[in-house]
Amino acid sequence: MAEHHESLEGYFSKHPPRSTRQAQAVIERQTGIRRGLSQVRHFLKDRLGLCWRQTGAIPVPPKKTIQEHAQEQAAFLEKKLEPRLEQAREGRRQVYFVDAAHFVFAPFLGCLWCVARLFVRAASGRKRYNVLGALDAVTHRLVRVTNLGYINAESVCTLLRSVAKAGVGLPITLVLDNARYQKCAVVQELAASLKIELLYLPSYSPNLNLIERLWRFVRVESLNSTYYEKFEDFHTAIDGCLDGLSTVYKAEMETLMTHKFQTFEDVPLLAA
């Protein structure tokens, strides 16, 4: 297939195959040459330099283009978020990233090094453990409110009071998304009375919320590929992970919670 290298490279760069079998069919259709799956896999990897990669998703508001959304995020980072983070790094402000995670009592499937595929027993019911957290951008201390029902404006108000109580006399900024229960009048009025600044992210911007990385870490560290017989054991494992952020997982937090954010100003897109 060497003589068709250039044409196949051009085709696959515009139309990435979903499987080796699909690539095999394309090669046969384009060149008239049929090769085995192992040969096709070798050609894709070693001759064309392709890798088997998972696609990524870009959350974008329905009425905006990716470019417009990327520009809005970049402006928010430069003019609002980064100046406050710089103050926090200099010890002149406390910046917290706020978000809620809803951990459903169900299997969190992950990968294991094992001889044969293993199965995790699925828990019955739909119990869930809700965690509303405020993560300090510098110290990585987590202030949190938990319950077994719902996160609402009252939960946010409880979190605001806890953050204010943990203050050290510095200006406080909470970076949070535009959920209704976080943007309602009662929350904004309480924040104003506590002298806490609420900095709302652009819509569809989980990539700019540092605490989103924490929720993924908790799932991998304490929930993936693990069976908990009782719901109490389930939420105890979550609490144990969160309690150990500044001790057991201090090194991981230092690496994970850097102030570098994924942006989408210049990323390759899958064609329609």
C-alpha atoms as a PDB file:
ATOM      1  CA  MET A   1       0.000   0.000   0.000  1.00  0.00           C
ATOM      2  CA  ALA A   2       3.078   2.247  -0.057  1.00  0.00           C
ATOM      3  CA  GLU A   3       2.124   3.790  -3.408  1.00  0.00           C
ATOM      4  CA  HIS A   4      -1.260   4.817  -1.959  1.00  0.00           C
ATOM      5  CA  HIS A   5       0.249   6.265   1.231  1.00  0.00           C
ATOM      6  CA  GLU A   6      -0.384   9.923   0.363  1.00  0.00           C
ATOM      7  CA  SER A   7      -3.985   9.500  -0.809  1.00  0.00           C
ATOM      8  CA  LEU A   8      -4.933   7.326   2.157  1.00  0.00           C
ATOM      9  CA  GLU A   9      -3.264   9.727   4.587  1.00  0.00           C
ATOM     10  CA  GLY A  10      -5.280  12.604   3.146  1.00  0.00           C
ATOM     11  CA  TYR A  11      -8.525  10.643   3.243  1.00  0.00           C
ATOM     12  CA  PHE A  12      -8.128   9.407   6.834  1.00  0.00           C
ATOM     13  CA  SER A  13      -7.117  12.869   8.087  1.00  0.00           C
ATOM     14  CA  LYS A  14     -10.518  14.150   6.908  1.00  0.00           C
ATOM     15  CA  HIS A  15     -12.497  10.975   7.646  1.00  0.00           C
ATOM     16  CA  PRO A  16     -11.032   9.231  10.745  1.00  0.00           C
ATOM     17  CA  PRO A  17     -12.195   5.581  10.805  1.00  0.00           C
ATOM     18  CA  ARG A  18     -14.190   4.385  13.813  1.00  0.00           C
ATOM     19  CA  SER A  19     -12.647   0.910  13.658  1.00  0.00           C
ATOM     20  CA  THR A  20      -9.926  -1.122  11.980  1.00  0.00           C
ATOM     21  CA  ARG A  21     -12.598  -3.000  10.057  1.00  0.00           C
ATOM     22  CA  GLN A  22     -13.972   0.256   8.664  1.00  0.00           C
ATOM     23  CA  ALA A  23     -10.450   1.312   7.666  1.00  0.00           C
ATOM     24  CA  GLN A  24      -9.983  -2.064   5.964  1.00  0.00           C
ATOM     25  CA  ALA A  25     -13.102  -1.476   3.865  1.00  0.00           C
ATOM     26  CA  VAL A  26     -12.000   2.052   2.927  1.00  0.00           C
ATOM     27  CA  ILE A  27      -8.560   0.864   1.852  1.00  0.00           C
ATOM     28  CA  GLU A  28     -10.065  -1.866  -0.318  1.00  0.00           C
ATOM     29  CA  ARG A  29     -12.533   0.588  -1.866  1.00  0.00           C
ATOM     30  CA  GLN A  30      -9.870   3.246  -2.523  1.00  0.00           C
ATOM     31  CA  THR A  31      -7.058   0.991  -3.751  1.00  0.00           C
ATOM     32  CA  GLY A  32      -8.548  -2.373  -4.632  1.00  0.00           C
ATOM     33  CA  ILE A  33      -6.162  -3.957  -2.100  1.00  0.00           C
ATOM     34  CA  ARG A  34      -7.532  -6.070   0.742  1.00  0.00           C
ATOM     35  CA  ARG A  35      -5.370  -6.608   3.807  1.00  0.00           C
ATOM     36  CA  GLY A  36      -5.960  -8.418   7.105  1.00  0.00           C
ATOM     37  CA  LEU A  37      -7.009  -6.459  10.179  1.00  0.00           C
ATOM     38  CA  SER A  38      -3.582  -6.766  11.823  1.00  0.00           C
ATOM     39  CA  GLN A  39      -1.903  -5.433   8.664  1.00  0.00           C
ATOM     40  CA  VAL A  40      -4.366  -2.548   8.477  1.00  0.00           C
ATOM     41  CA  ARG A  41      -3.778  -1.748  12.144  1.00  0.00           C
ATOM     42  CA  HIS A  42      -0.025  -1.733  11.546  1.00  0.00           C
ATOM     43  CA  PHE A  43      -0.440   0.552   8.505  1.00  0.00           C
ATOM     44  CA  LEU A  44      -2.610   3.035  10.428  1.00  0.00           C
ATOM     45  CA  LYS A  45      -0.292   3.173  13.418  1.00  0.00           C
ATOM     46  CA  ASP A  46       3.206   2.806  12.044  1.00  0.00           C
ATOM     47  CA  ARG A  47       2.896   4.189   8.507  1.00  0.00           C
ATOM     48  CA  LEU A  48       0.280   6.924   8.927  1.00  0.00           C
ATOM     49  CA  GLY A  49       1.048   7.782  12.562  1.00  0.00           C
ATOM     50  CA  LEU A  50      -2.567   7.437  13.689  1.00  0.00           C
ATOM     51  CA  CYS A  51      -3.475   6.526  17.274  1.00  0.00           C
ATOM     52  CA  TRP A  52      -6.658   5.109  18.805  1.00  0.00           C
ATOM     53  CA  ARG A  53      -7.918   8.130  20.734  1.00  0.00           C
ATOM     54  CA  GLN A  54     -11.184   8.874  22.451  1.00  0.00           C
ATOM     55  CA  THR A  55     -13.039  11.863  21.024  1.00  0.00           C
ATOM     56  CA  GLY A  56     -13.731  14.816  23.302  1.00  0.00           C
ATOM     57  CA  ALA A  57     -16.816  16.981  23.660  1.00  0.00           C
ATOM     58  CA  ILE A  58     -16.940  20.783  23.697  1.00  0.00           C
ATOM     59  CA  PRO A  59     -19.954  22.204  25.575  1.00  0.00           C
ATOM     60  CA  VAL A  60     -21.212  25.114  23.462  1.00  0.00           C
ATOM     61  CA  PRO A  61     -24.309  27.322  23.907  1.00  0.00           C
ATOM     62  CA  PRO A  62     -26.889  26.514  21.202  1.00  0.00           C
ATOM     63  CA  LYS A  63     -26.820  29.987  19.641  1.00  0.00           C
ATOM     64  CA  LYS A  64     -23.047  30.435  19.526  1.00  0.00           C
ATOM     65  CA  THR A  65     -20.275  29.065  17.378  1.00  0.00           C
ATOM     66  CA  ILE A  66     -17.302  27.305  18.954  1.00  0.00           C
ATOM     67  CA  GLN A  67     -15.135  30.300  18.030  1.00  0.00           C
ATOM     68  CA  GLU A  68     -17.498  32.783  19.703  1.00  0.00           C
ATOM     69  CA  HIS A  69     -17.696  30.629  22.829  1.00  0.00           C
ATOM     70  CA  ALA A  70     -13.904  30.227  22.951  1.00  0.00           C
ATOM     71  CA  GLN A  71     -13.451  33.997  22.684  1.00  0.00           C
ATOM     72  CA  GLU A  72     -15.909  34.592  25.532  1.00  0.00           C
ATOM     73  CA  GLN A  73     -14.083  32.083  27.739  1.00  0.00           C
ATOM     74  CA  ALA A  74     -10.701  33.595  26.881  1.00  0.00           C
ATOM     75  CA  ALA A  75     -11.949  37.073  27.803  1.00  0.00           C
ATOM     76  CA  PHE A  76     -13.350  35.783  31.101  1.00  0.00           C
ATOM     77  CA  LEU A  77     -10.033  34.094  31.923  1.00  0.00           C
ATOM     78  CA  GLU A  78      -7.939  37.139  31.085  1.00  0.00           C
ATOM     79  CA  LYS A  79     -10.057  39.919  32.555  1.00  0.00           C
ATOM     80  CA  LYS A  80     -11.853  38.302  35.498  1.00  0.00           C
ATOM     81  CA  LEU A  81     -10.585  34.916  36.641  1.00  0.00           C
ATOM     82  CA  GLU A  82      -6.805  35.178  36.237  1.00  0.00           C
ATOM     83  CA  PRO A  83      -6.483  38.553  38.069  1.00  0.00           C
ATOM     84  CA  ARG A  84      -8.297  37.090  41.081  1.00  0.00           C
ATOM     85  CA  LEU A  85      -6.242  33.900  40.990  1.00  0.00           C
ATOM     86  CA  GLU A  86      -3.072  36.002  40.886  1.00  0.00           C
ATOM     87  CA  GLN A  87      -4.234  37.817  44.029  1.00  0.00           C
ATOM     88  CA  ALA A  88      -4.969  34.455  45.654  1.00  0.00           C
ATOM     89  CA  ARG A  89      -1.495  33.138  44.822  1.00  0.00           C
ATOM     90  CA  GLU A  90      -0.023  36.285  46.390  1.00  0.00           C
ATOM     91  CA  GLY A  91      -2.064  35.804  49.569  1.00  0.00           C
ATOM     92  CA  ARG A  92      -4.304  38.826  48.980  1.00  0.00           C
ATOM     93  CA  ARG A  93      -7.588  37.012  48.270  1.00  0.00           C
ATOM     94  CA  GLN A  94      -9.342  33.682  48.802  1.00  0.00           C
ATOM     95  CA  VAL A  95     -10.785  32.165  45.630  1.00  0.00           C
ATOM     96  CA  TYR A  96     -13.077  29.155  45.832  1.00  0.00           C
ATOM     97  CA  PHE A  97     -14.457  27.111  42.946  1.00  0.00           C
ATOM     98  CA  VAL A  98     -17.999  25.925  43.654  1.00  0.00           C
ATOM     99  CA  ASP A  99     -20.023  23.070  42.198  1.00  0.00           C
ATOM    100  CA  ALA A 100     -22.295  20.200  43.224  1.00  0.00           C
ATOM    101  CA  ALA A 101     -21.726  16.500  42.556  1.00  0.00           C
ATOM    102  CA  HIS A 102     -24.525  13.936  42.740  1.00  0.00           C
ATOM    103  CA  PHE A 103     -23.065  10.496  43.390  1.00  0.00           C
ATOM    104  CA  VAL A 104     -25.685   7.858  42.559  1.00  0.00           C
ATOM    105  CA  PHE A 105     -25.416   4.553  44.448  1.00  0.00           C
ATOM    106  CA  ALA A 106     -24.633   2.498  41.340  1.00  0.00           C
ATOM    107  CA  PRO A 107     -21.585   0.864  39.755  1.00  0.00           C
ATOM    108  CA  PHE A 108     -18.874   3.222  38.524  1.00  0.00           C
ATOM    109  CA  LEU A 109     -17.146   1.123  35.885  1.00  0.00           C
ATOM    110  CA  GLY A 110     -13.421   1.473  35.307  1.00  0.00           C
ATOM    111  CA  CYS A 111     -10.464  -0.512  33.984  1.00  0.00           C
ATOM    112  CA  LEU A 112      -8.448  -3.122  35.878  1.00  0.00           C
ATOM    113  CA  TRP A 113      -5.370  -5.201  35.117  1.00  0.00           C
ATOM    114  CA  CYS A 114      -6.925  -8.664  35.312  1.00  0.00           C
ATOM    115  CA  VAL A 115      -6.826 -12.089  33.638  1.00  0.00           C
ATOM    116  CA  ALA A 116     -10.495 -12.133  32.696  1.00  0.00           C
ATOM    117  CA  ARG A 117     -13.152  -9.454  32.517  1.00  0.00           C
ATOM    118  CA  LEU A 118     -14.625  -8.839  35.979  1.00  0.00           C
ATOM    119  CA  PHE A 119     -18.137  -7.718  36.806  1.00  0.00           C
ATOM    120  CA  VAL A 120     -19.310  -5.411  39.574  1.00  0.00           C
ATOM    121  CA  ARG A 121     -22.614  -6.157  41.216  1.00  0.00           C
ATOM    122  CA  ALA A 122     -25.081  -3.343  40.610  1.00  0.00           C
ATOM    123  CA  ALA A 123     -26.690  -1.856  43.699  1.00  0.00           C
ATOM    124  CA  SER A 124     -30.484  -1.683  43.742  1.00  0.00           C
ATOM    125  CA  GLY A 125     -32.387   1.576  44.086  1.00  0.00           C
ATOM    126  CA  ARG A 126     -31.483   5.119  43.143  1.00  0.00           C
ATOM    127  CA  LYS A 127     -30.101   6.560  46.362  1.00  0.00           C
ATOM    128  CA  ARG A 128     -27.649   9.375  45.866  1.00  0.00           C
ATOM    129  CA  TYR A 129     -25.194  11.316  47.955  1.00  0.00           C
ATOM    130  CA  ASN A 130     -25.068  15.017  47.100  1.00  0.00           C
ATOM    131  CA  VAL A 131     -21.957  17.082  47.758  1.00  0.00           C
ATOM    132  CA  LEU A 132     -21.927  20.855  47.283  1.00  0.00           C
ATOM    133  CA  GLY A 133     -18.296  21.908  47.555  1.00  0.00           C
ATOM    134  CA  ALA A 134     -16.165  25.047  47.577  1.00  0.00           C
ATOM    135  CA  LEU A 135     -12.537  24.272  46.727  1.00  0.00           C
ATOM    136  CA  ASP A 136      -9.850  26.787  47.699  1.00  0.00           C
ATOM    137  CA  ALA A 137      -7.834  27.422  44.533  1.00  0.00           C
ATOM    138  CA  VAL A 138      -4.523  27.696  46.433  1.00  0.00           C
ATOM    139  CA  THR A 139      -4.708  25.586  49.600  1.00  0.00           C
ATOM    140  CA  HIS A 140      -7.080  22.983  48.070  1.00  0.00           C
ATOM    141  CA  ARG A 141      -9.107  22.991  51.265  1.00  0.00           C
ATOM    142  CA  LEU A 142     -12.664  21.839  50.607  1.00  0.00           C
ATOM    143  CA  VAL A 143     -15.647  23.386  52.375  1.00  0.00           C
ATOM    144  CA  ARG A 144     -18.692  21.223  51.731  1.00  0.00           C
ATOM    145  CA  VAL A 145     -22.369  20.677  52.398  1.00  0.00           C
ATOM    146  CA  THR A 146     -23.813  17.181  51.963  1.00  0.00           C
ATOM    147  CA  ASN A 147     -27.278  15.669  51.950  1.00  0.00           C
ATOM    148  CA  LEU A 148     -29.284  12.740  50.620  1.00  0.00           C
ATOM    149  CA  GLY A 149     -32.066  14.783  49.028  1.00  0.00           C
ATOM    150  CA  TYR A 150     -31.478  17.786  46.786  1.00  0.00           C
ATOM    151  CA  ILE A 151     -29.081  20.683  46.445  1.00  0.00           C
ATOM    152  CA  ASN A 152     -31.008  23.961  46.505  1.00  0.00           C
ATOM    153  CA  ALA A 153     -30.656  27.637  47.437  1.00  0.00           C
ATOM    154  CA  GLU A 154     -30.725  26.763  51.124  1.00  0.00           C
ATOM    155  CA  SER A 155     -27.737  24.449  50.576  1.00  0.00           C
ATOM    156  CA  VAL A 156     -25.846  27.248  48.846  1.00  0.00           C
ATOM    157  CA  CYS A 157     -26.635  29.644  51.698  1.00  0.00           C
ATOM    158  CA  THR A 158     -25.290  27.105  54.195  1.00  0.00           C
ATOM    159  CA  LEU A 159     -22.118  26.844  52.112  1.00  0.00           C
ATOM    160  CA  LEU A 160     -21.751  30.629  51.983  1.00  0.00           C
ATOM    161  CA  ARG A 161     -21.930  30.853  55.764  1.00  0.00           C
ATOM    162  CA  SER A 162     -19.358  28.076  56.129  1.00  0.00           C
ATOM    163  CA  VAL A 163     -16.989  29.797  53.693  1.00  0.00           C
ATOM    164  CA  ALA A 164     -17.388  33.114  55.509  1.00  0.00           C
ATOM    165  CA  LYS A 165     -16.715  31.397  58.846  1.00  0.00           C
ATOM    166  CA  ALA A 166     -13.514  29.894  57.414  1.00  0.00           C
ATOM    167  CA  GLY A 167     -12.336  33.294  56.184  1.00  0.00           C
ATOM    168  CA  VAL A 168      -9.016  34.758  57.282  1.00  0.00           C
ATOM    169  CA  GLY A 169      -9.796  38.438  56.785  1.00  0.00           C
ATOM    170  CA  LEU A 170      -9.144  38.488  53.037  1.00  0.00           C
ATOM    171  CA  PRO A 171     -11.600  39.315  50.239  1.00  0.00           C
ATOM    172  CA  ILE A 172     -13.463  36.156  49.169  1.00  0.00           C
ATOM    173  CA  THR A 173     -14.510  35.235  45.639  1.00  0.00           C
ATOM    174  CA  LEU A 174     -16.650  32.243  44.753  1.00  0.00           C
ATOM    175  CA  VAL A 175     -16.427  31.058  41.138  1.00  0.00           C
ATOM    176  CA  LEU A 176     -19.576  29.168  40.204  1.00  0.00           C
ATOM    177  CA  ASP A 177     -21.854  28.258  37.329  1.00  0.00           C
ATOM    178  CA  ASN A 178     -25.244  29.694  36.472  1.00  0.00           C
ATOM    179  CA  ALA A 179     -27.492  27.101  38.144  1.00  0.00           C
ATOM    180  CA  ARG A 180     -30.724  28.775  39.250  1.00  0.00           C
ATOM    181  CA  TYR A 181     -30.295  27.816  42.889  1.00  0.00           C
ATOM    182  CA  GLN A 182     -26.875  29.529  42.853  1.00  0.00           C
ATOM    183  CA  LYS A 183     -28.014  32.700  41.103  1.00  0.00           C
ATOM    184  CA  CYS A 184     -31.311  33.394  42.850  1.00  0.00           C
ATOM    185  CA  ALA A 185     -31.942  36.594  44.829  1.00  0.00           C
ATOM    186  CA  VAL A 186     -31.702  34.989  48.275  1.00  0.00           C
ATOM    187  CA  VAL A 187     -28.207  33.666  47.507  1.00  0.00           C
ATOM    188  CA  GLN A 188     -26.994  36.953  46.039  1.00  0.00           C
ATOM    189  CA  GLU A 189     -28.379  38.951  48.971  1.00  0.00           C
ATOM    190  CA  LEU A 190     -26.713  36.688  51.530  1.00  0.00           C
ATOM    191  CA  ALA A 191     -23.410  36.813  49.644  1.00  0.00           C
ATOM    192  CA  ALA A 192     -23.559  40.610  49.623  1.00  0.00           C
ATOM    193  CA  SER A 193     -24.256  40.725  53.355  1.00  0.00           C
ATOM    194  CA  LEU A 194     -21.279  38.400  53.991  1.00  0.00           C
ATOM    195  CA  LYS A 195     -19.086  40.478  51.641  1.00  0.00           C
ATOM    196  CA  ILE A 196     -18.499  37.474  49.366  1.00  0.00           C
ATOM    197  CA  GLU A 197     -18.082  38.138  45.659  1.00  0.00           C
ATOM    198  CA  LEU A 198     -19.954  35.752  43.360  1.00  0.00           C
ATOM    199  CA  LEU A 199     -18.168  35.386  40.029  1.00  0.00           C
ATOM    200  CA  TYR A 200     -20.370  33.513  37.580  1.00  0.00           C
ATOM    201  CA  LEU A 201     -18.717  31.526  34.800  1.00  0.00           C
ATOM    202  CA  PRO A 202     -19.773  31.924  31.183  1.00  0.00           C
ATOM    203  CA  SER A 203     -22.512  29.424  30.363  1.00  0.00           C
ATOM    204  CA  TYR A 204     -21.354  25.971  29.227  1.00  0.00           C
ATOM    205  CA  SER A 205     -17.915  26.345  30.830  1.00  0.00           C
ATOM    206  CA  PRO A 206     -17.189  23.332  33.066  1.00  0.00           C
ATOM    207  CA  ASN A 207     -13.620  23.412  31.728  1.00  0.00           C
ATOM    208  CA  LEU A 208     -13.055  26.649  33.675  1.00  0.00           C
ATOM    209  CA  ASN A 209     -14.291  25.256  36.990  1.00  0.00           C
ATOM    210  CA  LEU A 210     -11.379  23.776  38.923  1.00  0.00           C
ATOM    211  CA  ILE A 211     -13.593  21.655  41.180  1.00  0.00           C
ATOM    212  CA  GLU A 212     -14.793  19.579  38.213  1.00  0.00           C
ATOM    213  CA  ARG A 213     -11.370  17.897  38.299  1.00  0.00           C
ATOM    214  CA  LEU A 214     -11.954  16.980  41.932  1.00  0.00           C
ATOM    215  CA  TRP A 215     -15.198  15.123  41.197  1.00  0.00           C
ATOM    216  CA  ARG A 216     -13.454  13.051  38.520  1.00  0.00           C
ATOM    217  CA  PHE A 217     -10.630  12.301  40.951  1.00  0.00           C
ATOM    218  CA  VAL A 218     -13.107  11.109  43.601  1.00  0.00           C
ATOM    219  CA  ARG A 219     -14.806   8.775  41.130  1.00  0.00           C
ATOM    220  CA  VAL A 220     -11.503   7.225  40.036  1.00  0.00           C
ATOM    221  CA  GLU A 221      -9.995   7.020  43.511  1.00  0.00           C
ATOM    222  CA  SER A 222     -12.910   5.702  45.547  1.00  0.00           C
ATOM    223  CA  LEU A 223     -15.755   4.554  43.280  1.00  0.00           C
ATOM    224  CA  ASN A 224     -14.533   3.076  39.985  1.00  0.00           C
ATOM    225  CA  SER A 225     -14.612  -0.735  39.822  1.00  0.00           C
ATOM    226  CA  THR A 226     -15.573  -0.994  43.486  1.00  0.00           C
ATOM    227  CA  TYR A 227     -18.578  -2.714  45.036  1.00  0.00           C
ATOM    228  CA  TYR A 228     -20.171  -1.272  48.168  1.00  0.00           C
ATOM    229  CA  GLU A 229     -22.769  -3.496  49.745  1.00  0.00           C
ATOM    230  CA  LYS A 230     -24.403  -0.703  51.741  1.00  0.00           C
ATOM    231  CA  PHE A 231     -25.204   2.885  50.860  1.00  0.00           C
ATOM    232  CA  GLU A 232     -23.528   3.957  54.103  1.00  0.00           C
ATOM    233  CA  ASP A 233     -20.280   2.355  52.930  1.00  0.00           C
ATOM    234  CA  PHE A 234     -20.666   4.166  49.607  1.00  0.00           C
ATOM    235  CA  HIS A 235     -20.900   7.676  51.000  1.00  0.00           C
ATOM    236  CA  THR A 236     -18.345   6.920  53.709  1.00  0.00           C
ATOM    237  CA  ALA A 237     -15.843   6.120  50.944  1.00  0.00           C
ATOM    238  CA  ILE A 238     -16.609   9.460  49.263  1.00  0.00           C
ATOM    239  CA  ASP A 239     -16.219  11.343  52.546  1.00  0.00           C
ATOM    240  CA  GLY A 240     -12.973   9.513  53.272  1.00  0.00           C
ATOM    241  CA  CYS A 241     -11.529  10.590  49.944  1.00  0.00           C
ATOM    242  CA  LEU A 242     -12.587  14.214  50.458  1.00  0.00           C
ATOM    243  CA  ASP A 243     -11.267  14.246  54.024  1.00  0.00           C
ATOM    244  CA  GLY A 244      -7.856  13.136  52.779  1.00  0.00           C
ATOM    245  CA  LEU A 245      -7.322  15.842  50.169  1.00  0.00           C
ATOM    246  CA  SER A 246      -4.861  17.831  52.271  1.00  0.00           C
ATOM    247  CA  THR A 247      -3.054  14.777  53.683  1.00  0.00           C
ATOM    248  CA  VAL A 248      -3.322  11.458  51.858  1.00  0.00           C
ATOM    249  CA  TYR A 249      -3.824  13.045  48.434  1.00  0.00           C
ATOM    250  CA  LYS A 250      -1.835  16.253  48.900  1.00  0.00           C
ATOM    251  CA  ALA A 251       0.673  15.416  46.155  1.00  0.00           C
ATOM    252  CA  GLU A 252      -2.096  14.482  43.707  1.00  0.00           C
ATOM    253  CA  MET A 253      -3.914  17.759  44.404  1.00  0.00           C
ATOM    254  CA  GLU A 254      -0.775  19.795  43.750  1.00  0.00           C
ATOM    255  CA  THR A 255      -0.450  18.164  40.340  1.00  0.00           C
ATOM    256  CA  LEU A 256      -4.132  18.113  39.431  1.00  0.00           C
ATOM    257  CA  MET A 257      -5.274  21.553  40.601  1.00  0.00           C
ATOM    258  CA  THR A 258      -2.940  23.733  38.572  1.00  0.00           C
ATOM    259  CA  HIS A 259      -4.318  27.017  37.286  1.00  0.00           C
ATOM    260  CA  LYS A 260      -4.087  25.933  33.667  1.00  0.00           C
ATOM    261  CA  PHE A 261      -7.449  25.567  31.975  1.00  0.00           C
ATOM    262  CA  GLN A 262      -8.495  23.729  28.824  1.00  0.00           C
ATOM    263  CA  THR A 263      -9.584  26.183  26.153  1.00  0.00           C
ATOM    264  CA  PHE A 264     -10.967  25.510  22.687  1.00  0.00           C
ATOM    265  CA  GLU A 265      -9.616  28.363  20.584  1.00  0.00           C
ATOM    266  CA  ASP A 266      -7.631  26.114  18.265  1.00  0.00           C
ATOM    267  CA  VAL A 267      -8.617  22.442  18.465  1.00  0.00           C
ATOM    268  CA  PRO A 268      -9.215  19.944  15.625  1.00  0.00           C
ATOM    269  CA  LEU A 269     -12.906  19.292  15.098  1.00  0.00           C
ATOM    270  CA  LEU A 270     -14.677  16.237  13.757  1.00  0.00           C
ATOM    271  CA  ALA A 271     -16.494  17.129  10.559  1.00  0.00           C
ATOM    272  CA  ALA A 272     -20.237  16.607  10.315  1.00  0.00           C
END
